[in-house]
Amino acid sequence: MTLPGAWLYAEGGSDPILHAIGGRRSEELVKGVIEHMAFTGHGLADTVARLKARSVQHELRKLPGYGTWQLFFHDPNGAKMAIDFDAAEPGAA
């Protein structure tokens, strides 16, 4: 049986590390099961520009003590997403 959605793999890995299930109406989803999902990203300024161009509300902050940039926003189903960027990336205006 094949489930709709997307499978994400770690670099060089043969086993999926995340399966995002698709094909369900947003009313069927259970909120609050996962507080947020975090990913590592590259291209902070471009990512922020894309969110702004699509009028997606977001929060950008620098993690105290580490300097890592953290970009938070919600996906269309209301799930909180975080993308962490290296401290050396230039901050977005």
C-alpha atoms as a PDB file:
ATOM      1  CA  MET A   1       0.000   0.000   0.000  1.00  0.00           C
ATOM      2  CA  THR A   2       1.346   3.421  -0.932  1.00  0.00           C
ATOM      3  CA  LEU A   3       0.468   6.419   1.212  1.00  0.00           C
ATOM      4  CA  PRO A   4       0.276   9.896  -0.308  1.00  0.00           C
ATOM      5  CA  GLY A   5       2.847  12.392   0.877  1.00  0.00           C
ATOM      6  CA  ALA A   6       6.578  12.884   0.872  1.00  0.00           C
ATOM      7  CA  TRP A   7       9.476  10.913   2.311  1.00  0.00           C
ATOM      8  CA  LEU A   8      12.653  12.734   3.309  1.00  0.00           C
ATOM      9  CA  TYR A   9      16.029  11.019   3.464  1.00  0.00           C
ATOM     10  CA  ALA A  10      19.280  12.038   5.139  1.00  0.00           C
ATOM     11  CA  GLU A  11      22.197  12.522   2.754  1.00  0.00           C
ATOM     12  CA  GLY A  12      23.419   9.123   1.588  1.00  0.00           C
ATOM     13  CA  GLY A  13      20.800   7.279   3.639  1.00  0.00           C
ATOM     14  CA  SER A  14      18.516   4.590   2.283  1.00  0.00           C
ATOM     15  CA  ASP A  15      15.900   4.796   5.045  1.00  0.00           C
ATOM     16  CA  PRO A  16      13.486   7.726   5.256  1.00  0.00           C
ATOM     17  CA  ILE A  17      13.846   9.895   8.353  1.00  0.00           C
ATOM     18  CA  LEU A  18      10.533  11.742   7.943  1.00  0.00           C
ATOM     19  CA  HIS A  19       7.267  10.885   6.275  1.00  0.00           C
ATOM     20  CA  ALA A  20       4.859  13.753   5.755  1.00  0.00           C
ATOM     21  CA  ILE A  21       1.458  12.208   5.100  1.00  0.00           C
ATOM     22  CA  GLY A  22      -0.759  13.854   2.534  1.00  0.00           C
ATOM     23  CA  GLY A  23      -4.291  13.332   1.320  1.00  0.00           C
ATOM     24  CA  ARG A  24      -6.141  14.388   4.463  1.00  0.00           C
ATOM     25  CA  ARG A  25      -8.376  17.396   4.914  1.00  0.00           C
ATOM     26  CA  SER A  26      -7.101  19.934   7.429  1.00  0.00           C
ATOM     27  CA  GLU A  27     -10.197  19.313   9.589  1.00  0.00           C
ATOM     28  CA  GLU A  28      -9.025  15.717  10.125  1.00  0.00           C
ATOM     29  CA  LEU A  29      -5.569  16.662  11.418  1.00  0.00           C
ATOM     30  CA  VAL A  30      -4.874  16.524  15.142  1.00  0.00           C
ATOM     31  CA  LYS A  31      -3.306  19.769  16.343  1.00  0.00           C
ATOM     32  CA  GLY A  32      -0.782  19.879  19.154  1.00  0.00           C
ATOM     33  CA  VAL A  33       0.750  16.457  18.583  1.00  0.00           C
ATOM     34  CA  ILE A  34       4.051  18.014  17.476  1.00  0.00           C
ATOM     35  CA  GLU A  35       5.011  21.468  18.748  1.00  0.00           C
ATOM     36  CA  HIS A  36       7.189  22.164  15.707  1.00  0.00           C
ATOM     37  CA  MET A  37       9.509  20.625  13.130  1.00  0.00           C
ATOM     38  CA  ALA A  38      13.008  22.014  12.587  1.00  0.00           C
ATOM     39  CA  PHE A  39      15.236  21.784   9.556  1.00  0.00           C
ATOM     40  CA  THR A  40      18.667  23.108   8.639  1.00  0.00           C
ATOM     41  CA  GLY A  41      18.681  25.618   5.819  1.00  0.00           C
ATOM     42  CA  HIS A  42      20.968  27.714   3.644  1.00  0.00           C
ATOM     43  CA  GLY A  43      20.217  31.117   2.133  1.00  0.00           C
ATOM     44  CA  LEU A  44      18.568  32.982   5.002  1.00  0.00           C
ATOM     45  CA  ALA A  45      18.005  36.279   3.184  1.00  0.00           C
ATOM     46  CA  ASP A  46      16.457  34.537   0.163  1.00  0.00           C
ATOM     47  CA  THR A  47      14.214  32.406   2.383  1.00  0.00           C
ATOM     48  CA  VAL A  48      12.936  35.435   4.296  1.00  0.00           C
ATOM     49  CA  ALA A  49      12.350  37.267   1.003  1.00  0.00           C
ATOM     50  CA  ARG A  50      10.262  34.347  -0.283  1.00  0.00           C
ATOM     51  CA  LEU A  51       8.134  34.312   2.870  1.00  0.00           C
ATOM     52  CA  LYS A  52       7.607  38.087   2.634  1.00  0.00           C
ATOM     53  CA  ALA A  53       6.684  37.854  -1.060  1.00  0.00           C
ATOM     54  CA  ARG A  54       3.975  35.348  -0.122  1.00  0.00           C
ATOM     55  CA  SER A  55       2.820  37.395   2.901  1.00  0.00           C
ATOM     56  CA  VAL A  56       3.709  34.549   5.282  1.00  0.00           C
ATOM     57  CA  GLN A  57       4.022  35.793   8.850  1.00  0.00           C
ATOM     58  CA  HIS A  58       7.329  34.740  10.361  1.00  0.00           C
ATOM     59  CA  GLU A  59       9.706  35.385  13.233  1.00  0.00           C
ATOM     60  CA  LEU A  60      13.474  35.564  12.863  1.00  0.00           C
ATOM     61  CA  ARG A  61      15.701  35.453  15.906  1.00  0.00           C
ATOM     62  CA  LYS A  62      19.290  34.684  16.810  1.00  0.00           C
ATOM     63  CA  LEU A  63      19.793  31.899  19.349  1.00  0.00           C
ATOM     64  CA  PRO A  64      21.614  33.380  22.379  1.00  0.00           C
ATOM     65  CA  GLY A  65      24.960  31.794  23.100  1.00  0.00           C
ATOM     66  CA  TYR A  66      25.166  30.049  19.713  1.00  0.00           C
ATOM     67  CA  GLY A  67      24.311  32.739  17.179  1.00  0.00           C
ATOM     68  CA  THR A  68      22.268  30.339  15.077  1.00  0.00           C
ATOM     69  CA  TRP A  69      19.523  32.103  13.136  1.00  0.00           C
ATOM     70  CA  GLN A  70      16.091  30.570  13.726  1.00  0.00           C
ATOM     71  CA  LEU A  71      13.259  31.304  11.313  1.00  0.00           C
ATOM     72  CA  PHE A  72       9.754  30.323  12.475  1.00  0.00           C
ATOM     73  CA  PHE A  73       6.495  30.266  10.492  1.00  0.00           C
ATOM     74  CA  HIS A  74       3.382  28.100  10.107  1.00  0.00           C
ATOM     75  CA  ASP A  75       2.611  25.856   7.165  1.00  0.00           C
ATOM     76  CA  PRO A  76      -0.836  25.977   5.487  1.00  0.00           C
ATOM     77  CA  ASN A  77      -2.177  23.388   7.977  1.00  0.00           C
ATOM     78  CA  GLY A  78      -1.032  25.435  10.962  1.00  0.00           C
ATOM     79  CA  ALA A  79       2.005  23.303  11.852  1.00  0.00           C
ATOM     80  CA  LYS A  80       4.872  25.355  13.267  1.00  0.00           C
ATOM     81  CA  MET A  81       8.043  25.119  11.199  1.00  0.00           C
ATOM     82  CA  ALA A  82      11.572  26.190  12.099  1.00  0.00           C
ATOM     83  CA  ILE A  83      14.544  26.522   9.816  1.00  0.00           C
ATOM     84  CA  ASP A  84      17.946  26.930  11.468  1.00  0.00           C
ATOM     85  CA  PHE A  85      20.658  28.833   9.595  1.00  0.00           C
ATOM     86  CA  ASP A  86      24.353  29.088  10.348  1.00  0.00           C
ATOM     87  CA  ALA A  87      25.366  32.039  12.509  1.00  0.00           C
ATOM     88  CA  ALA A  88      27.697  33.227   9.718  1.00  0.00           C
ATOM     89  CA  GLU A  89      24.766  33.840   7.337  1.00  0.00           C
ATOM     90  CA  PRO A  90      23.914  37.506   6.945  1.00  0.00           C
ATOM     91  CA  GLY A  91      20.718  38.418   8.764  1.00  0.00           C
ATOM     92  CA  ALA A  92      17.700  39.333   6.691  1.00  0.00           C
ATOM     93  CA  ALA A  93      16.581  42.961   6.642  1.00  0.00           C
END
